[in-house]
Protein backbone atom coordinates (compact mmCIF):
# COMPACT_ATOMS: atom_id res chain seq x y z
CA MET A 1 -12.84 -19.34 -27.41
CA SER A 2 -11.39 -18.25 -24.07
CA GLU A 3 -9.11 -20.21 -21.76
CA PRO A 4 -10.52 -21.30 -18.40
CA LEU A 5 -9.57 -19.19 -15.39
CA THR A 6 -6.61 -20.36 -13.36
CA THR A 7 -7.02 -21.40 -9.76
CA PRO A 8 -5.11 -19.66 -6.96
CA GLY A 9 -1.46 -20.66 -6.85
CA GLU A 10 -1.35 -21.98 -10.39
CA GLY A 11 1.32 -20.57 -12.65
CA PHE A 12 1.82 -19.66 -16.26
CA HIS A 13 0.96 -23.13 -17.56
CA PRO A 14 -1.90 -24.28 -15.33
CA HIS A 15 -2.75 -27.08 -17.77
CA LEU A 16 0.67 -28.70 -17.20
CA PRO A 17 0.58 -30.69 -13.96
CA ASP A 18 3.46 -30.94 -11.49
CA THR A 19 4.22 -34.66 -11.65
CA PRO A 20 7.33 -36.78 -11.02
CA ASP A 21 8.08 -36.37 -14.74
CA HIS A 22 7.65 -32.59 -14.31
CA PRO A 23 9.13 -31.55 -10.93
CA VAL A 24 7.49 -28.82 -8.85
CA THR A 25 8.36 -25.44 -10.32
CA PRO A 26 10.06 -22.99 -7.92
CA LEU A 27 8.09 -19.86 -7.01
CA ARG A 28 10.32 -17.57 -9.07
CA SER A 29 10.04 -19.42 -12.38
CA ARG A 30 6.32 -19.09 -13.01
CA LEU A 31 3.63 -16.44 -13.07
CA HIS A 32 1.28 -16.19 -10.09
CA HIS A 33 -2.42 -15.38 -10.14
CA ILE A 34 -3.62 -13.77 -6.92
CA ARG A 35 -7.39 -13.54 -6.79
CA ALA A 36 -9.08 -10.57 -5.13
CA ASP A 37 -10.74 -12.87 -2.59
CA SER A 38 -7.43 -14.46 -1.53
CA LEU A 39 -5.47 -11.38 -0.42
CA ASP A 40 -3.42 -11.82 2.77
CA GLY A 41 -4.56 -9.67 5.71
CA ASP A 42 -1.59 -10.69 7.88
CA THR A 43 0.34 -7.46 7.19
CA ALA A 44 1.68 -4.45 9.08
CA GLN A 45 -1.22 -2.19 10.04
CA SER A 46 -1.94 1.39 11.11
CA GLY A 47 -5.01 2.43 13.06
CA GLY A 48 -7.95 3.31 10.79
CA MET A 49 -6.75 1.19 7.86
CA ARG A 50 -6.78 -2.41 6.70
CA ARG A 51 -3.88 -3.54 4.48
CA PHE A 52 -3.98 -6.69 2.35
CA ALA A 53 -0.95 -8.19 0.58
CA ALA A 54 -1.30 -9.52 -2.95
CA VAL A 55 2.34 -9.72 -4.07
CA SER A 56 4.91 -10.28 -1.31
CA GLY A 57 7.67 -12.62 -0.25
CA LYS A 58 5.12 -14.63 1.72
CA THR A 59 2.49 -14.89 -1.03
CA VAL A 60 4.59 -15.37 -4.18
CA GLY A 61 8.27 -15.27 -3.15
CA SER A 62 8.98 -11.72 -4.37
CA GLU A 63 12.29 -10.28 -3.23
CA LYS A 64 12.11 -6.58 -4.19
CA LEU A 65 8.42 -5.71 -4.45
CA TRP A 66 5.32 -5.58 -2.27
CA MET A 67 1.88 -4.84 -3.70
CA GLY A 68 -1.55 -4.90 -2.17
CA GLN A 69 -4.68 -3.00 -1.21
CA THR A 70 -5.53 -0.63 1.58
CA HIS A 71 -9.08 0.07 2.75
CA VAL A 72 -9.90 3.20 4.76
CA ALA A 73 -13.32 3.11 6.43
CA PRO A 74 -15.79 6.01 6.06
CA SER A 75 -15.11 9.08 8.21
CA THR A 76 -11.78 7.80 9.47
CA ALA A 77 -8.06 8.47 9.28
CA SER A 78 -5.00 6.27 9.58
CA SER A 79 -2.42 6.77 12.26
CA ASP A 80 0.51 9.02 11.34
CA HIS A 81 3.19 6.73 9.89
CA HIS A 82 5.98 6.27 7.34
CA HIS A 83 7.23 3.31 5.32
CA GLY A 84 10.93 3.31 6.22
CA GLU A 85 13.31 2.88 3.31
CA SER A 86 10.49 1.89 0.97
CA GLU A 87 9.29 4.02 -1.93
CA THR A 88 5.50 3.75 -2.16
CA ALA A 89 3.25 4.26 -5.18
CA ILE A 90 -0.50 4.53 -4.60
CA TYR A 91 -3.33 4.19 -7.14
CA VAL A 92 -6.82 5.32 -6.05
CA VAL A 93 -9.40 2.68 -6.97
CA SER A 94 -12.49 4.08 -5.27
CA GLY A 95 -13.52 6.90 -2.99
CA HIS A 96 -11.78 10.21 -2.44
CA PRO A 97 -9.02 9.55 0.09
CA GLU A 98 -6.90 12.44 1.28
CA PHE A 99 -3.16 12.17 1.94
CA VAL A 100 -1.73 14.50 4.57
CA PHE A 101 1.94 15.37 5.15
CA VAL A 102 4.01 18.25 6.48
CA ASP A 103 6.03 20.35 4.03
CA ASP A 104 8.80 22.39 5.62
CA ASN A 105 9.69 23.91 2.23
CA SER A 106 6.28 24.80 0.86
CA GLY A 107 6.92 28.55 0.77
CA GLU A 108 3.44 29.02 2.23
CA GLY A 109 2.44 29.93 5.74
CA PRO A 110 4.91 31.19 8.32
CA PRO A 111 8.43 31.57 6.93
CA GLY A 112 10.48 28.49 7.71
CA GLY A 113 7.57 26.92 9.58
CA PRO A 114 6.04 23.57 8.75
CA GLN A 115 2.93 23.62 6.57
CA GLU A 116 0.42 20.77 6.64
CA VAL A 117 -0.46 19.79 3.07
CA ARG A 118 -3.59 17.83 2.13
CA LEU A 119 -3.76 16.06 -1.25
CA ARG A 120 -7.39 15.38 -2.22
CA THR A 121 -7.69 12.51 -4.69
CA SER A 122 -10.21 10.82 -6.98
CA PRO A 123 -10.39 7.38 -8.60
CA GLY A 124 -7.63 7.03 -11.19
CA ASP A 125 -5.21 9.37 -9.36
CA TYR A 126 -1.72 8.33 -8.25
CA ILE A 127 0.35 9.38 -5.21
CA PHE A 128 4.10 8.85 -4.69
CA VAL A 129 5.41 8.65 -1.11
CA PRO A 130 9.23 8.92 -0.80
CA PRO A 131 11.06 6.87 1.86
CA PHE A 132 10.72 7.98 5.50
CA VAL A 133 8.14 10.74 4.76
CA PRO A 134 5.56 10.87 7.59
CA HIS A 135 1.97 10.99 6.36
CA ARG A 136 -1.54 9.74 7.00
CA GLU A 137 -4.50 8.75 4.86
CA GLU A 138 -7.98 10.06 5.57
CA ASN A 139 -11.37 9.20 4.20
CA PRO A 140 -13.76 12.12 4.80
CA ASP A 141 -16.72 10.36 3.11
CA PRO A 142 -19.36 9.55 5.74
CA THR A 143 -20.73 6.45 3.95
CA ASP A 144 -18.23 4.84 1.54
CA GLU A 145 -14.82 3.31 2.22
CA ALA A 146 -11.83 4.36 0.12
CA VAL A 147 -9.76 1.65 -1.59
CA VAL A 148 -6.26 2.11 -3.00
CA VAL A 149 -3.69 -0.21 -4.57
CA ILE A 150 -0.18 0.15 -3.18
CA ALA A 151 3.18 -0.89 -4.64
CA ARG A 152 6.35 -0.69 -2.56
CA SER A 153 10.01 -1.02 -3.46
CA THR A 154 10.67 -3.36 -0.55
CA GLN A 155 9.61 -6.98 -0.51
CA GLU A 156 7.37 -6.57 2.53
CA ALA A 157 5.17 -3.73 3.76
CA ILE A 158 7.10 -1.54 6.19
CA VAL A 159 4.89 0.53 8.50
CA VAL A 160 6.36 2.70 11.26
CA ASN A 161 3.56 4.28 13.30
CA LEU A 162 4.35 7.74 14.71
CA PRO A 163 2.94 9.94 17.49
CA ARG A 164 2.55 12.89 15.05
CA LEU A 165 3.34 13.95 11.48
CA TYR A 166 6.53 15.84 12.22
CA ALA A 167 9.19 16.08 14.90
CA LEU A 168 8.69 18.35 17.87
CA SER A 169 10.33 21.73 17.54
CA PRO A 170 12.50 22.92 20.47
CA ASP A 171 9.60 25.25 21.45
CA ASP A 172 7.17 22.30 21.64
CA ALA A 173 9.44 20.09 23.76
């Protein structure tokens, strides 16, 4: 026999009511169930993407973690951006998103020159984005959106949109 599903906002013991005999439990002393249809779209955004918070300070009172989903529409790319001091882990749920960054130390291309690197992914793959590393996500598929789950080491989603992937060289200025 299975237990009934919890309703949004209910904690570890949904069958125990919050009554005067049982005071309201603080956010950080119970589990939280965030349903897929109740993700919070009021998050930092980049062009070409839609981010939705599941676990954040606003949704569950987290202090050190942010987790949510990002959707990249067919045949589109995000703006160039980074996530400040936050470490970011990405899990590919669907589609074949590509992650683009510039590697100054790749050993490929012109010596000492920046090399654009494109990581092509599939469902089940993971990506790690270190703090302050400029990058963008692309979805080359002409018909299907790409969906990824993101976890960040900061309590809220930090998004710093950039004019390009890397700083201008003195020759470009």
